[in-house]
Amino acid sequence: MESTIPIQFTYPNGDIGTLNIQTQIVKLVQEIQNANIYTTQQCLEDPNDPDPHNNNNNINKTAQHVFLQFASSSDYTKFMSILADFDDPNDTEQLEMYNIIYYTKDNFITRFNLHDHNMFVPEHPEDFTADIKNCKYKHPIPKIDINCNLWFKLELLDAVIQKLVLYNKTNKYLSYTEDLLGKNGDPYKN
């Protein structure tokens, strides 16, 4: 069994709790939290173990990967934008992560699936029959969320942490939304 360390964890709803995180990814999880990015799951996955996060996605992994499930698509977008960011296209060290993300196969694998937090349920489960047409349902307003699942090779862990540390130290963006949309709310006019 792999060793874990309990760390304080902030959930997307603001609640604070303690999670046992695998030792190798503690620094990653802490830097993700420092960047105000929320995840719902995080772990190391060995390609030889059954993959609980790969159900029906047919992801062929030949190396150990870090698995992250983001709380929302905006958390995923912020994380990937931090990793892909570079100031100087002539600086090969800065450009390296961008190239790894976009131009190499299987270093970063992303899968999206929809999840409804308010799925319909039978009004009287005890009356549920095989005849679904006659079954009455309570149907709350759907609350659709996108599960953003990301796997990246363990060998990239230090580089990913380095990008997050740089982002967190420099506080590069005053506001992530402002950075995405521009100061006037228009991404094409800054």
Protein backbone atom coordinates (compact mmCIF):
# COMPACT_ATOMS: atom_id res chain seq x y z
CA MET A 1 0.00 0.00 0.00
CA GLU A 2 1.31 3.41 -0.95
CA SER A 3 1.92 5.92 1.82
CA THR A 4 -0.37 8.91 2.21
CA ILE A 5 -0.24 12.18 4.06
CA PRO A 6 -3.31 13.94 5.50
CA ILE A 7 -3.61 17.49 4.16
CA GLN A 8 -6.16 20.21 4.66
CA PHE A 9 -8.36 20.41 1.58
CA THR A 10 -10.84 23.06 0.48
CA TYR A 11 -13.86 21.70 -1.35
CA PRO A 12 -15.55 23.62 -4.19
CA ASN A 13 -18.41 24.65 -1.86
CA GLY A 14 -15.87 26.23 0.54
CA ASP A 15 -15.99 23.48 3.15
CA ILE A 16 -12.64 22.52 4.60
CA GLY A 17 -11.71 18.96 5.39
CA THR A 18 -8.79 16.60 5.54
CA LEU A 19 -7.86 14.17 2.78
CA ASN A 20 -5.22 11.49 2.69
CA ILE A 21 -3.15 12.22 -0.41
CA GLN A 22 -0.51 9.92 -1.86
CA THR A 23 2.91 11.20 -0.82
CA GLN A 24 4.20 11.69 -4.37
CA ILE A 25 1.42 14.14 -5.30
CA VAL A 26 1.02 16.14 -2.07
CA LYS A 27 2.97 19.13 -3.44
CA LEU A 28 0.89 19.05 -6.65
CA VAL A 29 -2.40 19.08 -4.72
CA GLN A 30 -1.19 21.93 -2.49
CA GLU A 31 -0.13 24.06 -5.47
CA ILE A 32 -3.42 23.37 -7.25
CA GLN A 33 -5.25 24.60 -4.15
CA ASN A 34 -2.98 27.66 -3.88
CA ALA A 35 -3.99 28.55 -7.43
CA ASN A 36 -7.68 28.39 -6.37
CA ILE A 37 -8.32 25.40 -8.61
CA TYR A 38 -10.67 22.77 -7.25
CA THR A 39 -10.45 19.04 -7.81
CA THR A 40 -12.80 16.32 -6.68
CA GLN A 41 -10.34 13.43 -7.05
CA GLN A 42 -6.60 13.07 -7.37
CA CYS A 43 -4.33 10.05 -7.29
CA LEU A 44 -1.49 8.13 -8.90
CA GLU A 45 -2.53 5.33 -11.23
CA ASP A 46 -0.35 2.40 -12.16
CA PRO A 47 -0.96 0.98 -15.65
CA ASN A 48 -0.88 -2.55 -14.19
CA ASP A 49 -3.76 -1.90 -11.78
CA PRO A 50 -7.41 -1.95 -12.78
CA ASP A 51 -8.32 1.63 -13.65
CA PRO A 52 -11.35 2.86 -11.69
CA HIS A 53 -11.36 6.18 -13.58
CA ASN A 54 -11.16 4.66 -17.05
CA ASN A 55 -14.50 2.95 -17.24
CA ASN A 56 -15.33 2.63 -20.94
CA ASN A 57 -12.88 5.35 -22.01
CA ASN A 58 -10.36 2.83 -23.36
CA ILE A 59 -7.35 4.86 -22.34
CA ASN A 60 -4.21 2.94 -23.15
CA LYS A 61 -1.63 3.88 -20.54
CA THR A 62 1.78 2.30 -20.57
CA ALA A 63 3.33 4.41 -17.78
CA GLN A 64 2.28 5.54 -14.33
CA HIS A 65 -0.02 8.57 -14.53
CA VAL A 66 -1.35 11.24 -12.22
CA PHE A 67 -5.15 11.40 -12.33
CA LEU A 68 -7.03 14.63 -11.59
CA GLN A 69 -10.76 15.17 -11.72
CA PHE A 70 -11.65 18.84 -11.72
CA ALA A 71 -14.70 20.25 -9.99
CA SER A 72 -15.73 22.22 -13.08
CA SER A 73 -14.70 22.95 -16.62
CA SER A 74 -13.42 26.38 -15.52
CA ASP A 75 -11.07 24.70 -13.01
CA TYR A 76 -9.78 22.42 -15.77
CA THR A 77 -9.38 25.36 -18.15
CA LYS A 78 -7.46 27.40 -15.60
CA PHE A 79 -5.13 24.49 -14.82
CA MET A 80 -4.38 23.75 -18.47
CA SER A 81 -3.94 27.47 -19.26
CA ILE A 82 -1.36 27.79 -16.49
CA LEU A 83 0.54 24.82 -17.86
CA ALA A 84 0.43 26.03 -21.46
CA ASP A 85 1.35 29.64 -20.65
CA PHE A 86 4.61 31.09 -21.90
CA ASP A 87 5.84 34.67 -22.23
CA ASP A 88 8.62 34.29 -24.74
CA PRO A 89 8.17 31.94 -27.72
CA ASN A 90 11.97 31.95 -28.20
CA ASP A 91 12.52 30.56 -24.69
CA THR A 92 12.56 26.81 -25.29
CA GLU A 93 12.22 25.97 -21.59
CA GLN A 94 8.97 27.97 -21.33
CA LEU A 95 7.67 26.59 -24.61
CA GLU A 96 8.42 22.98 -23.67
CA MET A 97 5.23 22.33 -21.67
CA TYR A 98 3.08 23.92 -24.37
CA ASN A 99 4.66 21.61 -26.94
CA ILE A 100 4.24 18.58 -24.68
CA ILE A 101 0.54 19.36 -24.22
CA TYR A 102 -0.26 19.99 -27.86
CA TYR A 103 2.20 18.03 -29.94
CA THR A 104 2.99 14.78 -28.17
CA LYS A 105 0.74 11.78 -27.82
CA ASP A 106 -0.40 10.34 -24.49
CA ASN A 107 1.43 12.77 -22.20
CA PHE A 108 -1.83 14.51 -21.29
CA ILE A 109 -5.11 12.64 -21.76
CA THR A 110 -8.42 14.39 -21.19
CA ARG A 111 -11.89 12.86 -21.02
CA PHE A 112 -15.13 14.72 -20.41
CA ASN A 113 -18.47 13.30 -19.36
CA LEU A 114 -21.71 14.85 -18.23
CA HIS A 115 -23.11 14.42 -14.78
CA ASP A 116 -26.55 15.53 -13.55
CA HIS A 117 -26.50 16.27 -9.83
CA ASN A 118 -30.32 16.33 -9.80
CA MET A 119 -31.25 13.18 -11.70
CA PHE A 120 -34.89 12.21 -11.83
CA VAL A 121 -36.03 9.50 -9.45
CA PRO A 122 -39.22 7.43 -9.24
CA GLU A 123 -41.82 9.25 -7.15
CA HIS A 124 -42.71 6.01 -5.39
CA PRO A 125 -39.78 3.60 -5.81
CA GLU A 126 -41.79 0.79 -4.27
CA ASP A 127 -44.28 1.07 -7.18
CA PHE A 128 -41.61 0.97 -9.86
CA THR A 129 -42.41 -1.62 -12.49
CA ALA A 130 -40.86 -2.70 -15.74
CA ASP A 131 -43.40 -0.48 -17.51
CA ILE A 132 -41.43 2.74 -17.43
CA LYS A 133 -44.11 4.65 -19.35
CA ASN A 134 -46.51 4.42 -16.41
CA CYS A 135 -43.97 5.27 -13.74
CA LYS A 136 -44.23 8.74 -12.18
CA TYR A 137 -41.04 10.67 -11.54
CA LYS A 138 -39.94 13.57 -9.45
CA HIS A 139 -37.90 15.58 -11.89
CA PRO A 140 -36.00 18.44 -10.32
CA ILE A 141 -34.38 21.07 -12.49
CA PRO A 142 -31.33 19.41 -14.06
CA LYS A 143 -28.00 20.56 -12.72
CA ILE A 144 -25.61 19.47 -15.44
CA ASP A 145 -21.92 19.47 -14.70
CA ILE A 146 -18.97 18.43 -16.82
CA ASN A 147 -16.56 16.01 -15.24
CA CYS A 148 -13.16 16.97 -16.56
CA ASN A 149 -10.79 14.07 -16.08
CA LEU A 150 -7.09 14.50 -16.79
CA TRP A 151 -4.27 12.00 -16.77
CA PHE A 152 -0.65 13.01 -17.24
CA LYS A 153 2.51 10.96 -17.12
CA LEU A 154 4.21 10.84 -13.74
CA GLU A 155 7.50 11.85 -15.39
CA LEU A 156 5.93 15.30 -16.02
CA LEU A 157 4.96 15.84 -12.37
CA ASP A 158 7.93 18.07 -11.48
CA ALA A 159 7.40 20.26 -14.57
CA VAL A 160 3.67 20.61 -13.79
CA ILE A 161 4.42 21.57 -10.18
CA GLN A 162 7.05 24.06 -11.38
CA LYS A 163 4.50 25.82 -13.61
CA LEU A 164 1.99 26.01 -10.74
CA VAL A 165 4.63 27.31 -8.31
CA LEU A 166 5.60 30.03 -10.80
CA TYR A 167 1.95 31.00 -11.25
CA ASN A 168 1.36 31.08 -7.49
CA LYS A 169 4.57 33.02 -6.70
CA THR A 170 4.19 35.68 -9.34
CA ASN A 171 0.44 35.98 -8.95
CA LYS A 172 0.74 36.54 -12.67
CA TYR A 173 -2.88 37.33 -13.34
CA LEU A 174 -4.91 39.76 -11.28
CA SER A 175 -7.96 37.77 -12.12
CA TYR A 176 -8.22 34.66 -14.23
CA THR A 177 -11.49 35.86 -15.74
CA GLU A 178 -9.93 39.20 -16.60
CA ASP A 179 -7.06 37.36 -18.24
CA LEU A 180 -9.40 35.21 -20.33
CA LEU A 181 -11.84 37.93 -21.28
CA GLY A 182 -9.65 41.02 -21.29
CA LYS A 183 -10.20 44.07 -19.13
CA ASN A 184 -13.31 45.08 -21.06
CA GLY A 185 -14.86 41.61 -21.13
CA ASP A 186 -13.76 41.13 -24.75
CA PRO A 187 -11.06 38.51 -25.37
CA TYR A 188 -9.88 40.35 -28.51
CA LYS A 189 -9.50 43.81 -26.95
CA ASN A 190 -7.10 44.25 -24.06
